[in-house]
Amino acid sequence: KHGYRAVVVYADPYCEADDEWYFANESQPEKNQPWYHVLVDGDDHATYIAESSLEYDMNPYPIQNPLVHRVFPTFYKGRYYTQNLN
């Protein structure tokens, strides 16, 4: 919904960011929902985003982020894996 692709690397059951961070953002989605740490495509950072702001991405190509290989060593048939598929 925010105009970028990303891959989820970790989930929190609710927003664990402090109020200063939360209210500094352009939008304030409900805090009492799952929030995700994601690696942003075409950049070198991660961000924190509410579940209500996510949409499923049908793009079969991997995310271009230098951090992605630290978390997911394998990308196979449109999916990331935390271990090698040997």
PDB file of N, CA and C in Angstrom:
ATOM      1  N   LYS A   1       0.808  -1.205   0.000  1.00  0.00           N
ATOM      2  CA  LYS A   1       0.000   0.000   0.000  1.00  0.00           C
ATOM      3  C   LYS A   1       0.849   1.267   0.000  1.00  0.00           C
ATOM      4  N   HIS A   2       2.108   1.143   0.355  1.00  0.00           N
ATOM      5  CA  HIS A   2       2.974   2.321   0.428  1.00  0.00           C
ATOM      6  C   HIS A   2       3.862   2.476  -0.805  1.00  0.00           C
ATOM      7  N   GLY A   3       3.619   1.648  -1.815  1.00  0.00           N
ATOM      8  CA  GLY A   3       4.325   1.811  -3.075  1.00  0.00           C
ATOM      9  C   GLY A   3       5.681   1.153  -3.164  1.00  0.00           C
ATOM     10  N   TYR A   4       5.965   0.219  -2.295  1.00  0.00           N
ATOM     11  CA  TYR A   4       7.226  -0.505  -2.407  1.00  0.00           C
ATOM     12  C   TYR A   4       7.005  -1.983  -2.119  1.00  0.00           C
ATOM     13  N   ARG A   5       7.921  -2.795  -2.633  1.00  0.00           N
ATOM     14  CA  ARG A   5       7.919  -4.225  -2.360  1.00  0.00           C
ATOM     15  C   ARG A   5       8.830  -4.474  -1.179  1.00  0.00           C
ATOM     16  N   ALA A   6       8.574  -5.566  -0.471  1.00  0.00           N
ATOM     17  CA  ALA A   6       9.414  -5.918   0.671  1.00  0.00           C
ATOM     18  C   ALA A   6       9.202  -7.390   0.998  1.00  0.00           C
ATOM     19  N   VAL A   7      10.100  -7.920   1.820  1.00  0.00           N
ATOM     20  CA  VAL A   7       9.944  -9.282   2.307  1.00  0.00           C
ATOM     21  C   VAL A   7       9.958  -9.229   3.833  1.00  0.00           C
ATOM     22  N   VAL A   8       9.032  -9.964   4.450  1.00  0.00           N
ATOM     23  CA  VAL A   8       8.917 -10.005   5.905  1.00  0.00           C
ATOM     24  C   VAL A   8      10.052 -10.851   6.471  1.00  0.00           C
ATOM     25  N   VAL A   9      10.722 -10.308   7.499  1.00  0.00           N
ATOM     26  CA  VAL A   9      11.787 -11.071   8.149  1.00  0.00           C
ATOM     27  C   VAL A   9      11.464 -11.411   9.602  1.00  0.00           C
ATOM     28  N   TYR A  10      10.516 -10.688  10.188  1.00  0.00           N
ATOM     29  CA  TYR A  10      10.149 -10.955  11.584  1.00  0.00           C
ATOM     30  C   TYR A  10       8.792 -10.331  11.857  1.00  0.00           C
ATOM     31  N   ALA A  11       8.009 -10.949  12.721  1.00  0.00           N
ATOM     32  CA  ALA A  11       6.687 -10.432  13.064  1.00  0.00           C
ATOM     33  C   ALA A  11       6.561 -10.223  14.565  1.00  0.00           C
ATOM     34  N   ASP A  12       5.870  -9.161  14.932  1.00  0.00           N
ATOM     35  CA  ASP A  12       5.506  -8.888  16.321  1.00  0.00           C
ATOM     36  C   ASP A  12       3.985  -9.003  16.426  1.00  0.00           C
ATOM     37  N   PRO A  13       3.450  -9.495  17.542  1.00  0.00           N
ATOM     38  CA  PRO A  13       1.997  -9.642  17.668  1.00  0.00           C
ATOM     39  C   PRO A  13       1.256  -8.311  17.731  1.00  0.00           C
ATOM     40  N   TYR A  14       1.957  -7.241  18.063  1.00  0.00           N
ATOM     41  CA  TYR A  14       1.394  -5.887  18.120  1.00  0.00           C
ATOM     42  C   TYR A  14       2.567  -4.917  17.973  1.00  0.00           C
ATOM     43  N   CYS A  15       2.281  -3.644  17.794  1.00  0.00           N
ATOM     44  CA  CYS A  15       3.336  -2.654  17.595  1.00  0.00           C
ATOM     45  C   CYS A  15       4.168  -2.509  18.868  1.00  0.00           C
ATOM     46  N   GLU A  16       5.457  -2.787  18.747  1.00  0.00           N
ATOM     47  CA  GLU A  16       6.350  -2.686  19.892  1.00  0.00           C
ATOM     48  C   GLU A  16       7.192  -1.416  19.858  1.00  0.00           C
ATOM     49  N   ALA A  17       6.931  -0.544  18.898  1.00  0.00           N
ATOM     50  CA  ALA A  17       7.662   0.724  18.814  1.00  0.00           C
ATOM     51  C   ALA A  17       7.161   1.677  19.898  1.00  0.00           C
ATOM     52  N   ASP A  18       8.028   2.578  20.325  1.00  0.00           N
ATOM     53  CA  ASP A  18       7.607   3.547  21.330  1.00  0.00           C
ATOM     54  C   ASP A  18       6.710   4.623  20.709  1.00  0.00           C
ATOM     55  N   ASP A  19       6.037   5.377  21.550  1.00  0.00           N
ATOM     56  CA  ASP A  19       5.086   6.385  21.073  1.00  0.00           C
ATOM     57  C   ASP A  19       5.758   7.461  20.229  1.00  0.00           C
ATOM     58  N   GLU A  20       6.976   7.833  20.565  1.00  0.00           N
ATOM     59  CA  GLU A  20       7.680   8.861  19.785  1.00  0.00           C
ATOM     60  C   GLU A  20       7.834   8.407  18.337  1.00  0.00           C
ATOM     61  N   TRP A  21       8.265   7.163  18.113  1.00  0.00           N
ATOM     62  CA  TRP A  21       8.413   6.629  16.758  1.00  0.00           C
ATOM     63  C   TRP A  21       7.039   6.546  16.082  1.00  0.00           C
ATOM     64  N   TYR A  22       6.066   6.001  16.798  1.00  0.00           N
ATOM     65  CA  TYR A  22       4.738   5.777  16.237  1.00  0.00           C
ATOM     66  C   TYR A  22       4.093   7.077  15.756  1.00  0.00           C
ATOM     67  N   PHE A  23       4.123   8.105  16.577  1.00  0.00           N
ATOM     68  CA  PHE A  23       3.461   9.354  16.215  1.00  0.00           C
ATOM     69  C   PHE A  23       4.274  10.204  15.246  1.00  0.00           C
ATOM     70  N   ALA A  24       5.527   9.863  15.006  1.00  0.00           N
ATOM     71  CA  ALA A  24       6.349  10.572  14.021  1.00  0.00           C
ATOM     72  C   ALA A  24       6.052  10.112  12.596  1.00  0.00           C
ATOM     73  N   ASN A  25       5.332   9.016  12.439  1.00  0.00           N
ATOM     74  CA  ASN A  25       5.012   8.486  11.116  1.00  0.00           C
ATOM     75  C   ASN A  25       3.843   9.220  10.483  1.00  0.00           C
ATOM     76  N   GLU A  26       3.787   9.178   9.150  1.00  0.00           N
ATOM     77  CA  GLU A  26       2.704   9.833   8.408  1.00  0.00           C
ATOM     78  C   GLU A  26       1.342   9.277   8.779  1.00  0.00           C
ATOM     79  N   SER A  27       1.267   7.977   8.983  1.00  0.00           N
ATOM     80  CA  SER A  27       0.004   7.348   9.364  1.00  0.00           C
ATOM     81  C   SER A  27       0.207   6.602  10.677  1.00  0.00           C
ATOM     82  N   GLN A  28      -0.853   6.394  11.380  1.00  0.00           N
ATOM     83  CA  GLN A  28      -0.792   5.635  12.626  1.00  0.00           C
ATOM     84  C   GLN A  28      -1.817   4.500  12.577  1.00  0.00           C
ATOM     85  N   PRO A  29      -1.465   3.407  11.876  1.00  0.00           N
ATOM     86  CA  PRO A  29      -2.380   2.259  11.866  1.00  0.00           C
ATOM     87  C   PRO A  29      -2.555   1.722  13.288  1.00  0.00           C
ATOM     88  N   GLU A  30      -3.622   1.026  13.496  1.00  0.00           N
ATOM     89  CA  GLU A  30      -3.904   0.433  14.802  1.00  0.00           C
ATOM     90  C   GLU A  30      -2.665  -0.297  15.336  1.00  0.00           C
ATOM     91  N   LYS A  31      -2.319  -0.031  16.590  1.00  0.00           N
ATOM     92  CA  LYS A  31      -1.138  -0.672  17.190  1.00  0.00           C
ATOM     93  C   LYS A  31      -1.427  -2.117  17.592  1.00  0.00           C
ATOM     94  N   ASN A  32      -2.695  -2.427  17.879  1.00  0.00           N
ATOM     95  CA  ASN A  32      -3.051  -3.759  18.360  1.00  0.00           C
ATOM     96  C   ASN A  32      -3.393  -4.689  17.191  1.00  0.00           C
ATOM     97  N   GLN A  33      -2.415  -4.930  16.357  1.00  0.00           N
ATOM     98  CA  GLN A  33      -2.492  -5.857  15.227  1.00  0.00           C
ATOM     99  C   GLN A  33      -1.062  -6.317  14.973  1.00  0.00           C
ATOM    100  N   PRO A  34      -0.850  -7.360  14.208  1.00  0.00           N
ATOM    101  CA  PRO A  34       0.530  -7.762  13.911  1.00  0.00           C
ATOM    102  C   PRO A  34       1.280  -6.661  13.156  1.00  0.00           C
ATOM    103  N   TRP A  35       2.544  -6.490  13.509  1.00  0.00           N
ATOM    104  CA  TRP A  35       3.453  -5.563  12.840  1.00  0.00           C
ATOM    105  C   TRP A  35       4.651  -6.367  12.371  1.00  0.00           C
ATOM    106  N   TYR A  36       5.220  -5.950  11.240  1.00  0.00           N
ATOM    107  CA  TYR A  36       6.268  -6.736  10.588  1.00  0.00           C
ATOM    108  C   TYR A  36       7.516  -5.909  10.322  1.00  0.00           C
ATOM    109  N   HIS A  37       8.652  -6.548  10.538  1.00  0.00           N
ATOM    110  CA  HIS A  37       9.941  -5.992  10.134  1.00  0.00           C
ATOM    111  C   HIS A  37      10.154  -6.499   8.717  1.00  0.00           C
ATOM    112  N   VAL A  38      10.335  -5.590   7.770  1.00  0.00           N
ATOM    113  CA  VAL A  38      10.477  -5.985   6.370  1.00  0.00           C
ATOM    114  C   VAL A  38      11.719  -5.361   5.761  1.00  0.00           C
ATOM    115  N   LEU A  39      12.318  -6.074   4.812  1.00  0.00           N
ATOM    116  CA  LEU A  39      13.430  -5.547   4.019  1.00  0.00           C
ATOM    117  C   LEU A  39      12.854  -4.971   2.745  1.00  0.00           C
ATOM    118  N   VAL A  40      13.178  -3.730   2.464  1.00  0.00           N
ATOM    119  CA  VAL A  40      12.604  -2.987   1.344  1.00  0.00           C
ATOM    120  C   VAL A  40      13.383  -3.259   0.060  1.00  0.00           C
ATOM    121  N   ASP A  41      12.655  -3.530  -1.017  1.00  0.00           N
ATOM    122  CA  ASP A  41      13.249  -3.778  -2.331  1.00  0.00           C
ATOM    123  C   ASP A  41      13.887  -2.500  -2.872  1.00  0.00           C
ATOM    124  N   GLY A  42      15.082  -2.650  -3.446  1.00  0.00           N
ATOM    125  CA  GLY A  42      15.766  -1.530  -4.068  1.00  0.00           C
ATOM    126  C   GLY A  42      16.400  -0.578  -3.082  1.00  0.00           C
ATOM    127  N   ASP A  43      16.549  -1.014  -1.842  1.00  0.00           N
ATOM    128  CA  ASP A  43      17.145  -0.177  -0.815  1.00  0.00           C
ATOM    129  C   ASP A  43      18.007  -1.048   0.086  1.00  0.00           C
ATOM    130  N   ASP A  44      18.623  -0.441   1.083  1.00  0.00           N
ATOM    131  CA  ASP A  44      19.502  -1.210   1.962  1.00  0.00           C
ATOM    132  C   ASP A  44      19.044  -1.137   3.415  1.00  0.00           C
ATOM    133  N   HIS A  45      17.744  -0.983   3.619  1.00  0.00           N
ATOM    134  CA  HIS A  45      17.248  -0.883   4.976  1.00  0.00           C
ATOM    135  C   HIS A  45      16.012  -1.750   5.192  1.00  0.00           C
ATOM    136  N   ALA A  46      15.653  -1.829   6.470  1.00  0.00           N
ATOM    137  CA  ALA A  46      14.421  -2.496   6.870  1.00  0.00           C
ATOM    138  C   ALA A  46      13.469  -1.427   7.377  1.00  0.00           C
ATOM    139  N   THR A  47      12.193  -1.765   7.441  1.00  0.00           N
ATOM    140  CA  THR A  47      11.206  -0.862   8.017  1.00  0.00           C
ATOM    141  C   THR A  47      10.217  -1.688   8.825  1.00  0.00           C
ATOM    142  N   TYR A  48       9.360  -1.014   9.532  1.00  0.00           N
ATOM    143  CA  TYR A  48       8.384  -1.637  10.424  1.00  0.00           C
ATOM    144  C   TYR A  48       7.007  -1.223   9.939  1.00  0.00           C
ATOM    145  N   ILE A  49       6.134  -2.203   9.687  1.00  0.00           N
ATOM    146  CA  ILE A  49       4.861  -1.886   9.041  1.00  0.00           C
ATOM    147  C   ILE A  49       3.733  -2.741   9.621  1.00  0.00           C
ATOM    148  N   ALA A  50       2.566  -2.137   9.709  1.00  0.00           N
ATOM    149  CA  ALA A  50       1.387  -2.822  10.237  1.00  0.00           C
ATOM    150  C   ALA A  50       0.819  -3.796   9.211  1.00  0.00           C
ATOM    151  N   GLU A  51       0.216  -4.853   9.710  1.00  0.00           N
ATOM    152  CA  GLU A  51      -0.386  -5.846   8.828  1.00  0.00           C
ATOM    153  C   GLU A  51      -1.428  -5.227   7.896  1.00  0.00           C
ATOM    154  N   SER A  52      -2.190  -4.275   8.387  1.00  0.00           N
ATOM    155  CA  SER A  52      -3.232  -3.658   7.563  1.00  0.00           C
ATOM    156  C   SER A  52      -2.657  -2.857   6.395  1.00  0.00           C
ATOM    157  N   SER A  53      -1.359  -2.597   6.412  1.00  0.00           N
ATOM    158  CA  SER A  53      -0.708  -1.859   5.326  1.00  0.00           C
ATOM    159  C   SER A  53      -0.069  -2.776   4.293  1.00  0.00           C
ATOM    160  N   LEU A  54      -0.159  -4.076   4.503  1.00  0.00           N
ATOM    161  CA  LEU A  54       0.467  -5.031   3.586  1.00  0.00           C
ATOM    162  C   LEU A  54      -0.518  -5.566   2.557  1.00  0.00           C
ATOM    163  N   GLU A  55       0.018  -5.865   1.392  1.00  0.00           N
ATOM    164  CA  GLU A  55      -0.716  -6.558   0.343  1.00  0.00           C
ATOM    165  C   GLU A  55       0.184  -7.666  -0.185  1.00  0.00           C
ATOM    166  N   TYR A  56      -0.412  -8.772  -0.572  1.00  0.00           N
ATOM    167  CA  TYR A  56       0.364  -9.877  -1.135  1.00  0.00           C
ATOM    168  C   TYR A  56       0.943  -9.460  -2.483  1.00  0.00           C
ATOM    169  N   ASP A  57       2.190  -9.810  -2.714  1.00  0.00           N
ATOM    170  CA  ASP A  57       2.887  -9.459  -3.949  1.00  0.00           C
ATOM    171  C   ASP A  57       3.035 -10.702  -4.821  1.00  0.00           C
ATOM    172  N   MET A  58       2.473 -10.662  -6.006  1.00  0.00           N
ATOM    173  CA  MET A  58       2.544 -11.795  -6.929  1.00  0.00           C
ATOM    174  C   MET A  58       3.804 -11.767  -7.793  1.00  0.00           C
ATOM    175  N   ASN A  59       4.636 -10.756  -7.643  1.00  0.00           N
ATOM    176  CA  ASN A  59       5.862 -10.637  -8.423  1.00  0.00           C
ATOM    177  C   ASN A  59       6.791 -11.813  -8.081  1.00  0.00           C
ATOM    178  N   PRO A  60       7.219 -12.591  -9.085  1.00  0.00           N
ATOM    179  CA  PRO A  60       8.030 -13.777  -8.811  1.00  0.00           C
ATOM    180  C   PRO A  60       9.526 -13.491  -8.611  1.00  0.00           C
ATOM    181  N   TYR A  61       9.939 -12.245  -8.720  1.00  0.00           N
ATOM    182  CA  TYR A  61      11.361 -11.914  -8.643  1.00  0.00           C
ATOM    183  C   TYR A  61      11.777 -11.580  -7.217  1.00  0.00           C
ATOM    184  N   PRO A  62      13.028 -11.895  -6.873  1.00  0.00           N
ATOM    185  CA  PRO A  62      13.489 -11.644  -5.506  1.00  0.00           C
ATOM    186  C   PRO A  62      13.632 -10.151  -5.201  1.00  0.00           C
ATOM    187  N   ILE A  63      13.598  -9.853  -3.937  1.00  0.00           N
ATOM    188  CA  ILE A  63      13.821  -8.497  -3.435  1.00  0.00           C
ATOM    189  C   ILE A  63      15.300  -8.157  -3.605  1.00  0.00           C
ATOM    190  N   GLN A  64      15.571  -6.941  -4.033  1.00  0.00           N
ATOM    191  CA  GLN A  64      16.946  -6.472  -4.174  1.00  0.00           C
ATOM    192  C   GLN A  64      17.285  -5.612  -2.953  1.00  0.00           C
ATOM    193  N   ASN A  65      17.851  -6.259  -1.955  1.00  0.00           N
ATOM    194  CA  ASN A  65      18.263  -5.607  -0.719  1.00  0.00           C
ATOM    195  C   ASN A  65      19.483  -6.366  -0.223  1.00  0.00           C
ATOM    196  N   PRO A  66      20.599  -5.673   0.058  1.00  0.00           N
ATOM    197  CA  PRO A  66      21.814  -6.384   0.455  1.00  0.00           C
ATOM    198  C   PRO A  66      21.684  -7.163   1.759  1.00  0.00           C
ATOM    199  N   LEU A  67      20.686  -6.909   2.550  1.00  0.00           N
ATOM    200  CA  LEU A  67      20.509  -7.619   3.824  1.00  0.00           C
ATOM    201  C   LEU A  67      19.728  -8.919   3.680  1.00  0.00           C
ATOM    202  N   VAL A  68      19.038  -9.098   2.571  1.00  0.00           N
ATOM    203  CA  VAL A  68      18.144 -10.251   2.421  1.00  0.00           C
ATOM    204  C   VAL A  68      18.893 -11.585   2.542  1.00  0.00           C
ATOM    205  N   HIS A  69      20.113 -11.664   2.063  1.00  0.00           N
ATOM    206  CA  HIS A  69      20.847 -12.935   2.101  1.00  0.00           C
ATOM    207  C   HIS A  69      21.329 -13.299   3.503  1.00  0.00           C
ATOM    208  N   ARG A  70      21.334 -12.348   4.414  1.00  0.00           N
ATOM    209  CA  ARG A  70      21.683 -12.647   5.813  1.00  0.00           C
ATOM    210  C   ARG A  70      20.571 -13.430   6.493  1.00  0.00           C
ATOM    211  N   VAL A  71      19.347 -13.200   6.050  1.00  0.00           N
ATOM    212  CA  VAL A  71      18.189 -13.854   6.651  1.00  0.00           C
ATOM    213  C   VAL A  71      17.749 -15.061   5.834  1.00  0.00           C
ATOM    214  N   PHE A  72      17.755 -14.891   4.515  1.00  0.00           N
ATOM    215  CA  PHE A  72      17.274 -15.929   3.611  1.00  0.00           C
ATOM    216  C   PHE A  72      18.374 -16.309   2.618  1.00  0.00           C
ATOM    217  N   PRO A  73      19.112 -17.368   2.879  1.00  0.00           N
ATOM    218  CA  PRO A  73      20.175 -17.749   1.951  1.00  0.00           C
ATOM    219  C   PRO A  73      19.674 -18.321   0.627  1.00  0.00           C
ATOM    220  N   THR A  74      18.410 -18.724   0.585  1.00  0.00           N
ATOM    221  CA  THR A  74      17.886 -19.363  -0.620  1.00  0.00           C
ATOM    222  C   THR A  74      16.592 -18.695  -1.093  1.00  0.00           C
ATOM    223  N   PHE A  75      16.529 -18.455  -2.404  1.00  0.00           N
ATOM    224  CA  PHE A  75      15.305 -17.994  -3.063  1.00  0.00           C
ATOM    225  C   PHE A  75      15.040 -19.000  -4.165  1.00  0.00           C
ATOM    226  N   TYR A  76      13.899 -19.679  -4.103  1.00  0.00           N
ATOM    227  CA  TYR A  76      13.596 -20.739  -5.059  1.00  0.00           C
ATOM    228  C   TYR A  76      12.118 -20.702  -5.411  1.00  0.00           C
ATOM    229  N   LYS A  77      11.822 -20.608  -6.694  1.00  0.00           N
ATOM    230  CA  LYS A  77      10.453 -20.603  -7.208  1.00  0.00           C
ATOM    231  C   LYS A  77       9.569 -19.571  -6.500  1.00  0.00           C
ATOM    232  N   GLY A  78      10.100 -18.358  -6.369  1.00  0.00           N
ATOM    233  CA  GLY A  78       9.312 -17.262  -5.817  1.00  0.00           C
ATOM    234  C   GLY A  78       9.196 -17.222  -4.306  1.00  0.00           C
ATOM    235  N   ARG A  79       9.959 -18.078  -3.602  1.00  0.00           N
ATOM    236  CA  ARG A  79       9.881 -18.113  -2.135  1.00  0.00           C
ATOM    237  C   ARG A  79      11.266 -18.025  -1.517  1.00  0.00           C
ATOM    238  N   TYR A  80      11.308 -17.413  -0.346  1.00  0.00           N
ATOM    239  CA  TYR A  80      12.545 -17.333   0.431  1.00  0.00           C
ATOM    240  C   TYR A  80      12.574 -18.455   1.454  1.00  0.00           C
ATOM    241  N   TYR A  81      13.784 -18.964   1.728  1.00  0.00           N
ATOM    242  CA  TYR A  81      13.976 -20.020   2.713  1.00  0.00           C
ATOM    243  C   TYR A  81      15.118 -19.639   3.645  1.00  0.00           C
ATOM    244  N   THR A  82      14.969 -19.989   4.921  1.00  0.00           N
ATOM    245  CA  THR A  82      15.989 -19.655   5.903  1.00  0.00           C
ATOM    246  C   THR A  82      17.161 -20.641   5.910  1.00  0.00           C
ATOM    247  N   GLN A  83      17.070 -21.670   5.102  1.00  0.00           N
ATOM    248  CA  GLN A  83      18.183 -22.619   4.981  1.00  0.00           C
ATOM    249  C   GLN A  83      18.344 -23.031   3.527  1.00  0.00           C
ATOM    250  N   ASN A  84      19.484 -23.587   3.202  1.00  0.00           N
ATOM    251  CA  ASN A  84      19.729 -24.059   1.841  1.00  0.00           C
ATOM    252  C   ASN A  84      18.866 -25.284   1.545  1.00  0.00           C
ATOM    253  N   LEU A  85      18.461 -25.426   0.308  1.00  0.00           N
ATOM    254  CA  LEU A  85      17.610 -26.557  -0.093  1.00  0.00           C
ATOM    255  C   LEU A  85      18.454 -27.625  -0.791  1.00  0.00           C
ATOM    256  N   ASN A  86      19.328 -28.213  -0.099  1.00  0.00           N
ATOM    257  CA  ASN A  86      20.181 -29.269  -0.697  1.00  0.00           C
ATOM    258  C   ASN A  86      19.647 -30.628  -0.392  1.00  0.00           C
TER     259      ASN A  86
END
